[in-house]
Full PDB file with SEQRES, HELIX, SHEET, SSBOND, CRYST1, ORIGX, SCALE, CONECT and MASTER records, all heavy atoms in Angstrom:
SEQRES   1 A   33  MET PRO LEU ARG TRP GLU ASP TRP PRO THR GLY ILE ALA          
SEQRES   2 A   33  GLU ARG LEU ARG ALA GLY CYS VAL ILE PRO ALA HIS PRO          
SEQRES   3 A   33  LEU ALA LEU THR ALA GLU ARG                                  
HELIX    1 AA1 TRP A    5  ASP A    7  5                                   3    
HELIX    2 AA2 ILE A   12  ALA A   18  1                                   7    
CRYST1    1.000    1.000    1.000  90.00  90.00  90.00 P 1           1          
ORIGX1      1.000000  0.000000  0.000000        0.00000                         
ORIGX2      0.000000  1.000000  0.000000        0.00000                         
ORIGX3      0.000000  0.000000  1.000000        0.00000                         
SCALE1      1.000000  0.000000  0.000000        0.00000                         
SCALE2      0.000000  1.000000  0.000000        0.00000                         
SCALE3      0.000000  0.000000  1.000000        0.00000                         
ATOM      1  N   MET A   1      -0.009 -16.624  27.523  1.00  0.00           N  
ATOM      2  CA  MET A   1      -0.062 -17.549  26.397  1.00  0.00           C  
ATOM      3  C   MET A   1       0.629 -16.924  25.175  1.00  0.00           C  
ATOM      4  O   MET A   1       0.501 -15.740  24.930  1.00  0.00           O  
ATOM      5  CB  MET A   1      -1.522 -17.850  26.040  1.00  0.00           C  
ATOM      6  CG  MET A   1      -2.253 -18.672  27.065  1.00  0.00           C  
ATOM      7  SD  MET A   1      -1.679 -20.397  27.061  1.00  0.00           S  
ATOM      8  CE  MET A   1      -2.249 -20.948  25.464  1.00  0.00           C  
ATOM      9  N   PRO A   2       1.373 -17.727  24.427  1.00  0.00           N  
ATOM     10  CA  PRO A   2       1.985 -17.211  23.196  1.00  0.00           C  
ATOM     11  C   PRO A   2       0.935 -16.647  22.261  1.00  0.00           C  
ATOM     12  O   PRO A   2      -0.234 -17.074  22.250  1.00  0.00           O  
ATOM     13  CB  PRO A   2       2.648 -18.464  22.607  1.00  0.00           C  
ATOM     14  CG  PRO A   2       2.874 -19.385  23.769  1.00  0.00           C  
ATOM     15  CD  PRO A   2       1.731 -19.143  24.709  1.00  0.00           C  
ATOM     16  N   LEU A   3       1.342 -15.662  21.463  1.00  0.00           N  
ATOM     17  CA  LEU A   3       0.445 -15.025  20.501  1.00  0.00           C  
ATOM     18  C   LEU A   3       0.840 -15.389  19.095  1.00  0.00           C  
ATOM     19  O   LEU A   3       2.009 -15.271  18.710  1.00  0.00           O  
ATOM     20  CB  LEU A   3       0.524 -13.493  20.693  1.00  0.00           C  
ATOM     21  CG  LEU A   3      -0.310 -12.645  19.717  1.00  0.00           C  
ATOM     22  CD1 LEU A   3      -1.799 -12.888  19.952  1.00  0.00           C  
ATOM     23  CD2 LEU A   3       0.027 -11.166  19.880  1.00  0.00           C  
ATOM     24  N   ARG A   4      -0.144 -15.843  18.320  1.00  0.00           N  
ATOM     25  CA  ARG A   4       0.076 -16.109  16.910  1.00  0.00           C  
ATOM     26  C   ARG A   4      -0.663 -15.049  16.089  1.00  0.00           C  
ATOM     27  O   ARG A   4      -1.663 -14.519  16.560  1.00  0.00           O  
ATOM     28  CB  ARG A   4      -0.424 -17.514  16.535  1.00  0.00           C  
ATOM     29  CG  ARG A   4       0.334 -18.630  17.222  1.00  0.00           C  
ATOM     30  CD  ARG A   4      -0.081 -19.992  16.718  1.00  0.00           C  
ATOM     31  NE  ARG A   4       0.064 -20.107  15.266  1.00  0.00           N  
ATOM     32  CZ  ARG A   4       1.244 -20.339  14.666  1.00  0.00           C  
ATOM     33  NH1 ARG A   4       2.356 -20.452  15.378  1.00  0.00           N  
ATOM     34  NH2 ARG A   4       1.296 -20.423  13.362  1.00  0.00           N  
ATOM     35  N   TRP A   5      -0.152 -14.806  14.887  1.00  0.00           N  
ATOM     36  CA  TRP A   5      -0.771 -13.746  14.079  1.00  0.00           C  
ATOM     37  C   TRP A   5      -2.215 -14.103  13.740  1.00  0.00           C  
ATOM     38  O   TRP A   5      -3.046 -13.168  13.568  1.00  0.00           O  
ATOM     39  CB  TRP A   5       0.056 -13.459  12.843  1.00  0.00           C  
ATOM     40  CG  TRP A   5       0.114 -14.534  11.793  1.00  0.00           C  
ATOM     41  CD1 TRP A   5       1.094 -15.470  11.622  1.00  0.00           C  
ATOM     42  CD2 TRP A   5      -0.865 -14.792  10.773  1.00  0.00           C  
ATOM     43  NE1 TRP A   5       0.807 -16.278  10.562  1.00  0.00           N  
ATOM     44  CE2 TRP A   5      -0.380 -15.891  10.011  1.00  0.00           C  
ATOM     45  CE3 TRP A   5      -2.090 -14.182  10.431  1.00  0.00           C  
ATOM     46  CZ2 TRP A   5      -1.091 -16.398   8.919  1.00  0.00           C  
ATOM     47  CZ3 TRP A   5      -2.766 -14.700   9.323  1.00  0.00           C  
ATOM     48  CH2 TRP A   5      -2.295 -15.791   8.592  1.00  0.00           C  
ATOM     49  N   GLU A   6      -2.535 -15.368  13.678  1.00  0.00           N  
ATOM     50  CA  GLU A   6      -3.928 -15.760  13.387  1.00  0.00           C  
ATOM     51  C   GLU A   6      -4.881 -15.322  14.497  1.00  0.00           C  
ATOM     52  O   GLU A   6      -6.091 -15.270  14.285  1.00  0.00           O  
ATOM     53  CB  GLU A   6      -4.019 -17.286  13.188  1.00  0.00           C  
ATOM     54  CG  GLU A   6      -3.314 -17.803  11.952  1.00  0.00           C  
ATOM     55  CD  GLU A   6      -1.887 -18.243  12.275  1.00  0.00           C  
ATOM     56  OE1 GLU A   6      -1.322 -17.816  13.290  1.00  0.00           O  
ATOM     57  OE2 GLU A   6      -1.351 -19.052  11.492  1.00  0.00           O  
ATOM     58  N   ASP A   7      -4.339 -15.034  15.679  1.00  0.00           N  
ATOM     59  CA  ASP A   7      -5.163 -14.626  16.813  1.00  0.00           C  
ATOM     60  C   ASP A   7      -5.305 -13.108  16.942  1.00  0.00           C  
ATOM     61  O   ASP A   7      -5.909 -12.599  17.908  1.00  0.00           O  
ATOM     62  CB  ASP A   7      -4.573 -15.168  18.111  1.00  0.00           C  
ATOM     63  CG  ASP A   7      -4.480 -16.693  18.097  1.00  0.00           C  
ATOM     64  OD1 ASP A   7      -5.401 -17.334  17.553  1.00  0.00           O  
ATOM     65  OD2 ASP A   7      -3.503 -17.252  18.639  1.00  0.00           O  
ATOM     66  N   TRP A   8      -4.705 -12.359  16.028  1.00  0.00           N  
ATOM     67  CA  TRP A   8      -4.812 -10.904  16.061  1.00  0.00           C  
ATOM     68  C   TRP A   8      -6.261 -10.426  15.966  1.00  0.00           C  
ATOM     69  O   TRP A   8      -7.088 -11.120  15.361  1.00  0.00           O  
ATOM     70  CB  TRP A   8      -4.033 -10.291  14.913  1.00  0.00           C  
ATOM     71  CG  TRP A   8      -2.559 -10.189  15.110  1.00  0.00           C  
ATOM     72  CD1 TRP A   8      -1.841 -10.290  16.257  1.00  0.00           C  
ATOM     73  CD2 TRP A   8      -1.605  -9.952  14.050  1.00  0.00           C  
ATOM     74  NE1 TRP A   8      -0.490 -10.137  16.007  1.00  0.00           N  
ATOM     75  CE2 TRP A   8      -0.322  -9.937  14.668  1.00  0.00           C  
ATOM     76  CE3 TRP A   8      -1.713  -9.758  12.679  1.00  0.00           C  
ATOM     77  CZ2 TRP A   8       0.833  -9.709  13.936  1.00  0.00           C  
ATOM     78  CZ3 TRP A   8      -0.543  -9.548  11.952  1.00  0.00           C  
ATOM     79  CH2 TRP A   8       0.710  -9.517  12.568  1.00  0.00           C  
ATOM     80  N   PRO A   9      -6.552  -9.240  16.502  1.00  0.00           N  
ATOM     81  CA  PRO A   9      -7.866  -8.658  16.265  1.00  0.00           C  
ATOM     82  C   PRO A   9      -8.165  -8.515  14.779  1.00  0.00           C  
ATOM     83  O   PRO A   9      -7.265  -8.380  13.964  1.00  0.00           O  
ATOM     84  CB  PRO A   9      -7.778  -7.273  16.950  1.00  0.00           C  
ATOM     85  CG  PRO A   9      -6.675  -7.415  17.937  1.00  0.00           C  
ATOM     86  CD  PRO A   9      -5.710  -8.400  17.350  1.00  0.00           C  
ATOM     87  N   THR A  10      -9.428  -8.512  14.448  1.00  0.00           N  
ATOM     88  CA  THR A  10      -9.839  -8.403  13.051  1.00  0.00           C  
ATOM     89  C   THR A  10      -9.252  -7.163  12.412  1.00  0.00           C  
ATOM     90  O   THR A  10      -9.301  -6.066  12.968  1.00  0.00           O  
ATOM     91  CB  THR A  10     -11.384  -8.356  12.963  1.00  0.00           C  
ATOM     92  OG1 THR A  10     -11.925  -9.537  13.554  1.00  0.00           O  
ATOM     93  CG2 THR A  10     -11.844  -8.245  11.506  1.00  0.00           C  
ATOM     94  N   GLY A  11      -8.665  -7.344  11.258  1.00  0.00           N  
ATOM     95  CA  GLY A  11      -8.165  -6.222  10.450  1.00  0.00           C  
ATOM     96  C   GLY A  11      -6.679  -5.966  10.579  1.00  0.00           C  
ATOM     97  O   GLY A  11      -6.094  -5.326   9.693  1.00  0.00           O  
ATOM     98  N   ILE A  12      -6.016  -6.451  11.635  1.00  0.00           N  
ATOM     99  CA  ILE A  12      -4.604  -6.157  11.824  1.00  0.00           C  
ATOM    100  C   ILE A  12      -3.761  -6.802  10.708  1.00  0.00           C  
ATOM    101  O   ILE A  12      -2.924  -6.142  10.053  1.00  0.00           O  
ATOM    102  CB  ILE A  12      -4.100  -6.640  13.195  1.00  0.00           C  
ATOM    103  CG1 ILE A  12      -4.780  -5.839  14.325  1.00  0.00           C  
ATOM    104  CG2 ILE A  12      -2.573  -6.498  13.295  1.00  0.00           C  
ATOM    105  CD1 ILE A  12      -4.376  -4.404  14.409  1.00  0.00           C  
ATOM    106  N   ALA A  13      -3.959  -8.072  10.463  1.00  0.00           N  
ATOM    107  CA  ALA A  13      -3.171  -8.760   9.441  1.00  0.00           C  
ATOM    108  C   ALA A  13      -3.425  -8.146   8.054  1.00  0.00           C  
ATOM    109  O   ALA A  13      -2.487  -7.944   7.289  1.00  0.00           O  
ATOM    110  CB  ALA A  13      -3.505 -10.249   9.433  1.00  0.00           C  
ATOM    111  N   GLU A  14      -4.691  -7.834   7.784  1.00  0.00           N  
ATOM    112  CA  GLU A  14      -5.012  -7.278   6.467  1.00  0.00           C  
ATOM    113  C   GLU A  14      -4.353  -5.937   6.268  1.00  0.00           C  
ATOM    114  O   GLU A  14      -3.826  -5.629   5.191  1.00  0.00           O  
ATOM    115  CB  GLU A  14      -6.538  -7.167   6.324  1.00  0.00           C  
ATOM    116  CG  GLU A  14      -7.282  -8.501   6.271  1.00  0.00           C  
ATOM    117  CD  GLU A  14      -7.485  -9.155   7.632  1.00  0.00           C  
ATOM    118  OE1 GLU A  14      -7.129  -8.541   8.662  1.00  0.00           O  
ATOM    119  OE2 GLU A  14      -7.981 -10.291   7.672  1.00  0.00           O  
ATOM    120  N   ARG A  15      -4.363  -5.099   7.302  1.00  0.00           N  
ATOM    121  CA  ARG A  15      -3.768  -3.746   7.167  1.00  0.00           C  
ATOM    122  C   ARG A  15      -2.233  -3.820   7.101  1.00  0.00           C  
ATOM    123  O   ARG A  15      -1.614  -3.040   6.378  1.00  0.00           O  
ATOM    124  CB  ARG A  15      -4.238  -2.859   8.321  1.00  0.00           C  
ATOM    125  CG  ARG A  15      -5.675  -2.365   8.110  1.00  0.00           C  
ATOM    126  CD  ARG A  15      -6.086  -1.336   9.162  1.00  0.00           C  
ATOM    127  NE  ARG A  15      -6.448  -1.985  10.396  1.00  0.00           N  
ATOM    128  CZ  ARG A  15      -5.868  -1.744  11.562  1.00  0.00           C  
ATOM    129  NH1 ARG A  15      -4.866  -0.894  11.667  1.00  0.00           N  
ATOM    130  NH2 ARG A  15      -6.308  -2.344  12.654  1.00  0.00           N  
ATOM    131  N   LEU A  16      -1.647  -4.749   7.839  1.00  0.00           N  
ATOM    132  CA  LEU A  16      -0.182  -4.910   7.764  1.00  0.00           C  
ATOM    133  C   LEU A  16       0.217  -5.339   6.347  1.00  0.00           C  
ATOM    134  O   LEU A  16       1.169  -4.793   5.792  1.00  0.00           O  
ATOM    135  CB  LEU A  16       0.271  -5.956   8.777  1.00  0.00           C  
ATOM    136  CG  LEU A  16       1.788  -6.240   8.763  1.00  0.00           C  
ATOM    137  CD1 LEU A  16       2.548  -5.060   9.342  1.00  0.00           C  
ATOM    138  CD2 LEU A  16       2.093  -7.510   9.588  1.00  0.00           C  
ATOM    139  N   ARG A  17      -0.515  -6.265   5.774  1.00  0.00           N  
ATOM    140  CA  ARG A  17      -0.138  -6.763   4.446  1.00  0.00           C  
ATOM    141  C   ARG A  17      -0.520  -5.808   3.323  1.00  0.00           C  
ATOM    142  O   ARG A  17       0.116  -5.816   2.276  1.00  0.00           O  
ATOM    143  CB  ARG A  17      -0.818  -8.127   4.233  1.00  0.00           C  
ATOM    144  CG  ARG A  17      -0.180  -9.203   5.108  1.00  0.00           C  
ATOM    145  CD  ARG A  17      -0.954 -10.508   5.141  1.00  0.00           C  
ATOM    146  NE  ARG A  17      -0.305 -11.451   6.097  1.00  0.00           N  
ATOM    147  CZ  ARG A  17      -0.935 -12.447   6.660  1.00  0.00           C  
ATOM    148  NH1 ARG A  17      -2.226 -12.633   6.431  1.00  0.00           N  
ATOM    149  NH2 ARG A  17      -0.297 -13.242   7.492  1.00  0.00           N  
ATOM    150  N   ALA A  18      -1.530  -4.967   3.558  1.00  0.00           N  
ATOM    151  CA  ALA A  18      -1.885  -3.967   2.566  1.00  0.00           C  
ATOM    152  C   ALA A  18      -0.810  -2.871   2.513  1.00  0.00           C  
ATOM    153  O   ALA A  18      -0.565  -2.253   1.481  1.00  0.00           O  
ATOM    154  CB  ALA A  18      -3.235  -3.353   2.859  1.00  0.00           C  
ATOM    155  N   GLY A  19      -0.170  -2.608   3.660  1.00  0.00           N  
ATOM    156  CA  GLY A  19       0.906  -1.611   3.739  1.00  0.00           C  
ATOM    157  C   GLY A  19       0.467  -0.345   4.394  1.00  0.00           C  
ATOM    158  O   GLY A  19      -0.640   0.168   4.166  1.00  0.00           O  
ATOM    159  N   CYS A  20       1.321   0.216   5.226  1.00  0.00           N  
ATOM    160  CA  CYS A  20       1.008   1.456   5.932  1.00  0.00           C  
ATOM    161  C   CYS A  20       2.319   2.125   6.352  1.00  0.00           C  
ATOM    162  O   CYS A  20       3.414   1.601   6.158  1.00  0.00           O  
ATOM    163  CB  CYS A  20       0.111   1.216   7.127  1.00  0.00           C  
ATOM    164  SG  CYS A  20       0.837   0.150   8.421  1.00  0.00           S  
ATOM    165  N   VAL A  21       2.158   3.277   6.944  1.00  0.00           N  
ATOM    166  CA  VAL A  21       3.271   4.044   7.546  1.00  0.00           C  
ATOM    167  C   VAL A  21       3.408   3.657   9.013  1.00  0.00           C  
ATOM    168  O   VAL A  21       2.444   3.742   9.768  1.00  0.00           O  
ATOM    169  CB  VAL A  21       3.003   5.562   7.408  1.00  0.00           C  
ATOM    170  CG1 VAL A  21       3.990   6.358   8.251  1.00  0.00           C  
ATOM    171  CG2 VAL A  21       3.073   5.990   5.934  1.00  0.00           C  
ATOM    172  N   ILE A  22       4.590   3.205   9.404  1.00  0.00           N  
ATOM    173  CA  ILE A  22       4.884   2.892  10.806  1.00  0.00           C  
ATOM    174  C   ILE A  22       6.108   3.672  11.216  1.00  0.00           C  
ATOM    175  O   ILE A  22       7.240   3.280  10.890  1.00  0.00           O  
ATOM    176  CB  ILE A  22       5.082   1.370  11.023  1.00  0.00           C  
ATOM    177  CG1 ILE A  22       3.899   0.574  10.545  1.00  0.00           C  
ATOM    178  CG2 ILE A  22       5.350   1.101  12.520  1.00  0.00           C  
ATOM    179  CD1 ILE A  22       4.028  -0.940  10.703  1.00  0.00           C  
ATOM    180  N   PRO A  23       5.941   4.793  11.931  1.00  0.00           N  
ATOM    181  CA  PRO A  23       7.102   5.556  12.384  1.00  0.00           C  
ATOM    182  C   PRO A  23       7.875   4.793  13.479  1.00  0.00           C  
ATOM    183  O   PRO A  23       7.273   4.116  14.336  1.00  0.00           O  
ATOM    184  CB  PRO A  23       6.523   6.839  12.964  1.00  0.00           C  
ATOM    185  CG  PRO A  23       5.091   6.894  12.469  1.00  0.00           C  
ATOM    186  CD  PRO A  23       4.673   5.462  12.265  1.00  0.00           C  
ATOM    187  N   ALA A  24       9.189   4.900  13.456  1.00  0.00           N  
ATOM    188  CA  ALA A  24      10.027   4.421  14.539  1.00  0.00           C  
ATOM    189  C   ALA A  24      10.020   5.501  15.611  1.00  0.00           C  
ATOM    190  O   ALA A  24      10.498   6.620  15.403  1.00  0.00           O  
ATOM    191  CB  ALA A  24      11.440   4.134  14.047  1.00  0.00           C  
ATOM    192  N   HIS A  25       9.482   5.205  16.765  1.00  0.00           N  
ATOM    193  CA  HIS A  25       9.094   6.190  17.775  1.00  0.00           C  
ATOM    194  C   HIS A  25      10.302   6.704  18.568  1.00  0.00           C  
ATOM    195  O   HIS A  25      11.037   5.927  19.160  1.00  0.00           O  
ATOM    196  CB  HIS A  25       8.122   5.507  18.747  1.00  0.00           C  
ATOM    197  CG  HIS A  25       7.210   6.449  19.451  1.00  0.00           C  
ATOM    198  ND1 HIS A  25       7.654   7.531  20.196  1.00  0.00           N  
ATOM    199  CD2 HIS A  25       5.871   6.474  19.525  1.00  0.00           C  
ATOM    200  CE1 HIS A  25       6.615   8.139  20.718  1.00  0.00           C  
ATOM    201  NE2 HIS A  25       5.506   7.516  20.326  1.00  0.00           N  
ATOM    202  N   PRO A  26      10.516   8.035  18.605  1.00  0.00           N  
ATOM    203  CA  PRO A  26      11.580   8.596  19.431  1.00  0.00           C  
ATOM    204  C   PRO A  26      11.223   8.596  20.929  1.00  0.00           C  
ATOM    205  O   PRO A  26      10.119   8.225  21.330  1.00  0.00           O  
ATOM    206  CB  PRO A  26      11.708  10.046  18.910  1.00  0.00           C  
ATOM    207  CG  PRO A  26      10.988  10.067  17.607  1.00  0.00           C  
ATOM    208  CD  PRO A  26       9.897   9.030  17.739  1.00  0.00           C  
ATOM    209  N   LEU A  27      12.196   9.039  21.715  1.00  0.00           N  
ATOM    210  CA  LEU A  27      12.062   9.116  23.172  1.00  0.00           C  
ATOM    211  C   LEU A  27      12.062  10.578  23.581  1.00  0.00           C  
ATOM    212  O   LEU A  27      12.995  11.323  23.272  1.00  0.00           O  
ATOM    213  CB  LEU A  27      13.237   8.384  23.823  1.00  0.00           C  
ATOM    214  CG  LEU A  27      13.294   8.364  25.336  1.00  0.00           C  
ATOM    215  CD1 LEU A  27      12.150   7.527  25.909  1.00  0.00           C  
ATOM    216  CD2 LEU A  27      14.637   7.807  25.804  1.00  0.00           C  
ATOM    217  N   ALA A  28      11.028  10.980  24.306  1.00  0.00           N  
ATOM    218  CA  ALA A  28      10.929  12.342  24.818  1.00  0.00           C  
ATOM    219  C   ALA A  28      11.543  12.432  26.214  1.00  0.00           C  
ATOM    220  O   ALA A  28      11.073  11.774  27.149  1.00  0.00           O  
ATOM    221  CB  ALA A  28       9.459  12.799  24.858  1.00  0.00           C  
ATOM    222  N   LEU A  29      12.561  13.245  26.344  1.00  0.00           N  
ATOM    223  CA  LEU A  29      13.239  13.403  27.633  1.00  0.00           C  
ATOM    224  C   LEU A  29      13.182  14.845  28.122  1.00  0.00           C  
ATOM    225  O   LEU A  29      13.020  15.784  27.312  1.00  0.00           O  
ATOM    226  CB  LEU A  29      14.710  12.999  27.506  1.00  0.00           C  
ATOM    227  CG  LEU A  29      15.025  11.527  27.158  1.00  0.00           C  
ATOM    228  CD1 LEU A  29      16.525  11.330  26.993  1.00  0.00           C  
ATOM    229  CD2 LEU A  29      14.457  10.596  28.211  1.00  0.00           C  
ATOM    230  N   THR A  30      13.340  15.007  29.424  1.00  0.00           N  
ATOM    231  CA  THR A  30      13.497  16.318  30.031  1.00  0.00           C  
ATOM    232  C   THR A  30      14.967  16.732  29.947  1.00  0.00           C  
ATOM    233  O   THR A  30      15.825  15.922  29.581  1.00  0.00           O  
ATOM    234  CB  THR A  30      13.053  16.315  31.489  1.00  0.00           C  
ATOM    235  OG1 THR A  30      13.961  15.460  32.236  1.00  0.00           O  
ATOM    236  CG2 THR A  30      11.630  15.777  31.625  1.00  0.00           C  
ATOM    237  N   ALA A  31      15.256  17.940  30.354  1.00  0.00           N  
ATOM    238  CA  ALA A  31      16.639  18.438  30.385  1.00  0.00           C  
ATOM    239  C   ALA A  31      17.504  17.598  31.324  1.00  0.00           C  
ATOM    240  O   ALA A  31      18.734  17.537  31.138  1.00  0.00           O  
ATOM    241  CB  ALA A  31      16.691  19.907  30.767  1.00  0.00           C  
ATOM    242  N   GLU A  32      16.880  16.942  32.299  1.00  0.00           N  
ATOM    243  CA  GLU A  32      17.607  16.054  33.234  1.00  0.00           C  
ATOM    244  C   GLU A  32      17.763  14.639  32.657  1.00  0.00           C  
ATOM    245  O   GLU A  32      18.224  13.747  33.359  1.00  0.00           O  
ATOM    246  CB  GLU A  32      16.860  15.994  34.550  1.00  0.00           C  
ATOM    247  CG  GLU A  32      16.839  17.321  35.335  1.00  0.00           C  
ATOM    248  CD  GLU A  32      15.851  18.337  34.704  1.00  0.00           C  
ATOM    249  OE1 GLU A  32      14.821  17.881  34.183  1.00  0.00           O  
ATOM    250  OE2 GLU A  32      16.152  19.576  34.738  1.00  0.00           O  
ATOM    251  N   ARG A  33      17.364  14.432  31.402  1.00  0.00           N  
ATOM    252  CA  ARG A  33      17.401  13.156  30.717  1.00  0.00           C  
ATOM    253  C   ARG A  33      16.548  12.106  31.415  1.00  0.00           C  
ATOM    254  O   ARG A  33      16.904  10.913  31.507  1.00  0.00           O  
ATOM    255  CB  ARG A  33      18.872  12.680  30.537  1.00  0.00           C  
ATOM    256  CG  ARG A  33      19.707  13.695  29.803  1.00  0.00           C  
ATOM    257  CD  ARG A  33      21.126  13.212  29.511  1.00  0.00           C  
ATOM    258  NE  ARG A  33      21.979  14.353  29.161  1.00  0.00           N  
ATOM    259  CZ  ARG A  33      22.064  14.897  27.933  1.00  0.00           C  
ATOM    260  NH1 ARG A  33      21.333  14.377  26.944  1.00  0.00           N  
ATOM    261  NH2 ARG A  33      22.848  15.940  27.698  1.00  0.00           N  
TER     262      ARG A  33                                                      
MASTER        0    0    0    2    0    0    0    6  261    1    0    3          
END                                                                             
């Protein structure tokens, strides 16, 4: 089923709008890539 922001778990919308740190996640590879 499609997901709407109104259906998020309690607190997600409030914390997103209050502002936070969201790192852009790197990729961990072995020497063999």
